[in-house]
Every structure is written in C-alpha cells, then in structure tokens.
C-alpha cells in the first residue's frame, strides 16, 4: 500500500553476509533508487573517460523527450 501507513511499514531483509536489517518502506525504496543512481553515475564516468559519454541522463529531460 502506498498510503502513509504503507510507507512506514517495516521491511526486514538480509544485508551483507546475512546481517538482518529493518527499515521503513520509504527508506528501502529510497536506498534502491539512490543505489541505482550511483551505478549509472559510475558507468557514465567510465564511458566519458573512454570518449563515449552517455550524454544528459536527467530523468525529467527523458520524460520530456517522450512527449
């Protein structure tokens, strides 16, 4: 559920080496999003250094380009 109570619901999962971790749903979703951003940024740096820049990766510009 995405109501306020749903976002505050506790999610429990195993983290590194089986360590249990408990976070509210909103923090779990934020972590997934930010972790993905980190990987895209790292890949963009490597591609740019290799002369193959991915160009602008701004999400809002991607959305506007689809319209």
N, C-alpha and C. Protein backbone atom coordinates (compact mmCIF):
# COMPACT_ATOMS: atom_id res chain seq x y z
N UNK A 1 0.84 -1.19 0.00
CA UNK A 1 0.00 0.00 0.00
C UNK A 1 0.89 1.25 0.00
N UNK A 2 0.47 2.28 -0.68
CA UNK A 2 1.27 3.50 -0.73
C UNK A 2 0.66 4.63 0.10
N UNK A 3 -0.24 4.28 1.01
CA UNK A 3 -0.71 5.32 1.92
C UNK A 3 0.38 5.55 2.97
N UNK A 4 0.18 6.51 3.85
CA UNK A 4 1.21 6.84 4.84
C UNK A 4 1.62 5.63 5.66
N UNK A 5 0.65 4.82 6.06
CA UNK A 5 0.97 3.64 6.87
C UNK A 5 1.82 2.64 6.07
N UNK A 6 1.54 2.53 4.77
CA UNK A 6 2.32 1.62 3.93
C UNK A 6 3.78 2.04 3.81
N UNK A 7 4.02 3.34 3.69
CA UNK A 7 5.39 3.84 3.58
C UNK A 7 6.16 3.69 4.89
N UNK A 8 5.45 3.65 6.01
CA UNK A 8 6.10 3.49 7.32
C UNK A 8 6.25 2.03 7.72
N UNK A 9 5.64 1.12 6.96
CA UNK A 9 5.71 -0.30 7.27
C UNK A 9 7.17 -0.75 7.28
N UNK A 10 7.52 -1.60 8.23
CA UNK A 10 8.90 -2.07 8.36
C UNK A 10 9.16 -3.21 7.38
N UNK A 11 10.28 -3.10 6.68
CA UNK A 11 10.73 -4.14 5.77
C UNK A 11 11.97 -4.76 6.40
N UNK A 12 11.99 -6.07 6.47
CA UNK A 12 13.15 -6.76 7.04
C UNK A 12 13.78 -7.62 5.96
N UNK A 13 15.10 -7.54 5.83
CA UNK A 13 15.81 -8.35 4.84
C UNK A 13 17.22 -8.59 5.33
N UNK A 14 17.89 -9.52 4.65
CA UNK A 14 19.29 -9.80 4.98
C UNK A 14 20.18 -8.85 4.20
N UNK A 15 21.11 -8.26 4.90
CA UNK A 15 22.06 -7.35 4.28
C UNK A 15 23.35 -8.13 4.04
N UNK A 16 24.46 -7.48 4.01
CA UNK A 16 25.74 -8.13 3.72
C UNK A 16 26.03 -9.24 4.72
N UNK A 17 26.46 -10.37 4.18
CA UNK A 17 26.84 -11.54 4.98
C UNK A 17 25.72 -11.98 5.92
N UNK A 18 24.49 -11.82 5.50
CA UNK A 18 23.36 -12.31 6.26
C UNK A 18 22.94 -11.48 7.44
N UNK A 19 23.51 -10.29 7.59
CA UNK A 19 23.11 -9.42 8.70
C UNK A 19 21.68 -8.94 8.49
N UNK A 20 20.81 -9.11 9.49
CA UNK A 20 19.43 -8.63 9.33
C UNK A 20 19.38 -7.10 9.37
N UNK A 21 18.50 -6.55 8.58
CA UNK A 21 18.32 -5.11 8.53
C UNK A 21 16.83 -4.82 8.47
N UNK A 22 16.39 -3.87 9.26
CA UNK A 22 14.98 -3.46 9.29
C UNK A 22 14.91 -1.97 8.99
N UNK A 23 14.14 -1.62 7.97
CA UNK A 23 13.98 -0.22 7.58
C UNK A 23 12.52 0.05 7.24
N UNK A 24 12.07 1.29 7.40
CA UNK A 24 10.75 1.64 6.90
C UNK A 24 10.74 1.51 5.37
N UNK A 25 9.58 1.22 4.81
CA UNK A 25 9.46 1.05 3.36
C UNK A 25 10.02 2.25 2.60
N UNK A 26 9.76 3.47 3.07
CA UNK A 26 10.22 4.65 2.33
C UNK A 26 11.73 4.70 2.26
N UNK A 27 12.43 4.27 3.31
CA UNK A 27 13.89 4.26 3.29
C UNK A 27 14.41 3.15 2.38
N UNK A 28 13.70 2.04 2.33
CA UNK A 28 14.10 0.94 1.45
C UNK A 28 14.00 1.37 -0.01
N UNK A 29 12.89 2.00 -0.38
CA UNK A 29 12.70 2.47 -1.75
C UNK A 29 13.74 3.54 -2.10
N UNK A 30 13.99 4.45 -1.18
CA UNK A 30 15.00 5.49 -1.41
C UNK A 30 16.38 4.87 -1.63
N UNK A 31 16.74 3.87 -0.84
CA UNK A 31 18.03 3.20 -0.98
C UNK A 31 18.16 2.56 -2.36
N UNK A 32 17.12 1.88 -2.80
CA UNK A 32 17.16 1.24 -4.12
C UNK A 32 17.36 2.28 -5.22
N UNK A 33 16.63 3.39 -5.13
CA UNK A 33 16.76 4.44 -6.14
C UNK A 33 18.16 5.07 -6.13
N UNK A 34 18.65 5.41 -4.95
CA UNK A 34 19.95 6.07 -4.86
C UNK A 34 21.08 5.12 -5.26
N UNK A 35 20.95 3.84 -4.95
CA UNK A 35 21.98 2.87 -5.33
C UNK A 35 22.06 2.75 -6.85
N UNK A 36 20.90 2.74 -7.50
CA UNK A 36 20.88 2.70 -8.96
C UNK A 36 21.51 3.94 -9.57
N UNK A 37 21.23 5.10 -8.98
CA UNK A 37 21.83 6.35 -9.46
C UNK A 37 23.35 6.29 -9.35
N UNK A 38 23.84 5.74 -8.25
CA UNK A 38 25.29 5.62 -8.08
C UNK A 38 25.90 4.80 -9.20
N UNK A 39 25.29 3.66 -9.52
CA UNK A 39 25.84 2.81 -10.58
C UNK A 39 25.79 3.50 -11.94
N UNK A 40 24.71 4.20 -12.24
CA UNK A 40 24.64 4.91 -13.52
C UNK A 40 25.69 6.01 -13.60
N UNK A 41 25.92 6.71 -12.49
CA UNK A 41 26.93 7.77 -12.48
C UNK A 41 28.32 7.19 -12.68
N UNK A 42 28.60 6.07 -12.02
CA UNK A 42 29.92 5.44 -12.18
C UNK A 42 30.13 4.98 -13.62
N UNK A 43 29.09 4.39 -14.21
CA UNK A 43 29.19 3.95 -15.61
C UNK A 43 29.38 5.15 -16.54
N UNK A 44 28.67 6.25 -16.26
CA UNK A 44 28.79 7.44 -17.09
C UNK A 44 30.20 8.01 -17.05
N UNK A 45 30.82 8.00 -15.87
CA UNK A 45 32.20 8.49 -15.75
C UNK A 45 33.14 7.63 -16.59
N UNK A 46 33.00 6.32 -16.48
CA UNK A 46 33.87 5.43 -17.24
C UNK A 46 33.66 5.59 -18.74
N UNK A 47 32.42 5.68 -19.16
CA UNK A 47 32.14 5.87 -20.59
C UNK A 47 32.68 7.20 -21.09
N UNK A 48 32.52 8.26 -20.31
CA UNK A 48 33.02 9.57 -20.71
C UNK A 48 34.54 9.56 -20.83
N UNK A 49 35.21 8.93 -19.87
CA UNK A 49 36.68 8.83 -19.94
C UNK A 49 37.13 8.05 -21.16
N UNK A 50 36.29 7.13 -21.62
CA UNK A 50 36.63 6.33 -22.80
C UNK A 50 36.18 7.01 -24.09
N UNK A 51 35.70 8.26 -23.97
CA UNK A 51 35.28 9.01 -25.14
C UNK A 51 33.89 8.67 -25.64
N UNK A 52 33.08 8.01 -24.84
CA UNK A 52 31.73 7.59 -25.24
C UNK A 52 30.69 8.08 -24.23
N UNK A 53 30.66 9.36 -23.98
CA UNK A 53 29.74 9.93 -23.00
C UNK A 53 28.29 9.53 -23.29
N UNK A 54 27.55 9.13 -22.26
CA UNK A 54 26.14 8.80 -22.47
C UNK A 54 25.26 10.04 -22.67
N UNK A 55 25.85 11.22 -22.53
CA UNK A 55 25.08 12.45 -22.67
C UNK A 55 24.27 12.76 -21.43
N UNK A 56 23.27 13.59 -21.60
CA UNK A 56 22.45 14.00 -20.46
C UNK A 56 21.57 12.84 -20.01
N UNK A 57 21.66 12.50 -18.75
CA UNK A 57 20.88 11.39 -18.20
C UNK A 57 19.80 11.88 -17.24
N UNK A 58 19.42 13.14 -17.32
CA UNK A 58 18.43 13.72 -16.42
C UNK A 58 17.06 13.11 -16.71
N UNK A 59 16.43 12.56 -15.70
CA UNK A 59 15.15 11.86 -15.86
C UNK A 59 14.06 12.77 -16.42
N UNK A 60 13.97 13.99 -15.93
CA UNK A 60 12.91 14.88 -16.40
C UNK A 60 13.08 15.20 -17.88
N UNK A 61 14.32 15.31 -18.35
CA UNK A 61 14.55 15.55 -19.77
C UNK A 61 14.17 14.33 -20.59
N UNK A 62 14.40 13.15 -20.06
CA UNK A 62 13.99 11.92 -20.73
C UNK A 62 12.47 11.89 -20.87
N UNK A 63 11.78 12.25 -19.78
CA UNK A 63 10.31 12.28 -19.85
C UNK A 63 9.83 13.28 -20.89
N UNK A 64 10.43 14.47 -20.90
CA UNK A 64 10.01 15.49 -21.86
C UNK A 64 10.26 15.04 -23.29
N UNK A 65 11.34 14.29 -23.51
CA UNK A 65 11.65 13.79 -24.84
C UNK A 65 10.68 12.73 -25.33
N UNK A 66 9.96 12.11 -24.43
CA UNK A 66 8.99 11.09 -24.80
C UNK A 66 7.66 11.69 -25.23
N UNK A 67 7.44 12.95 -24.87
CA UNK A 67 6.13 13.58 -25.14
C UNK A 67 5.97 13.91 -26.61
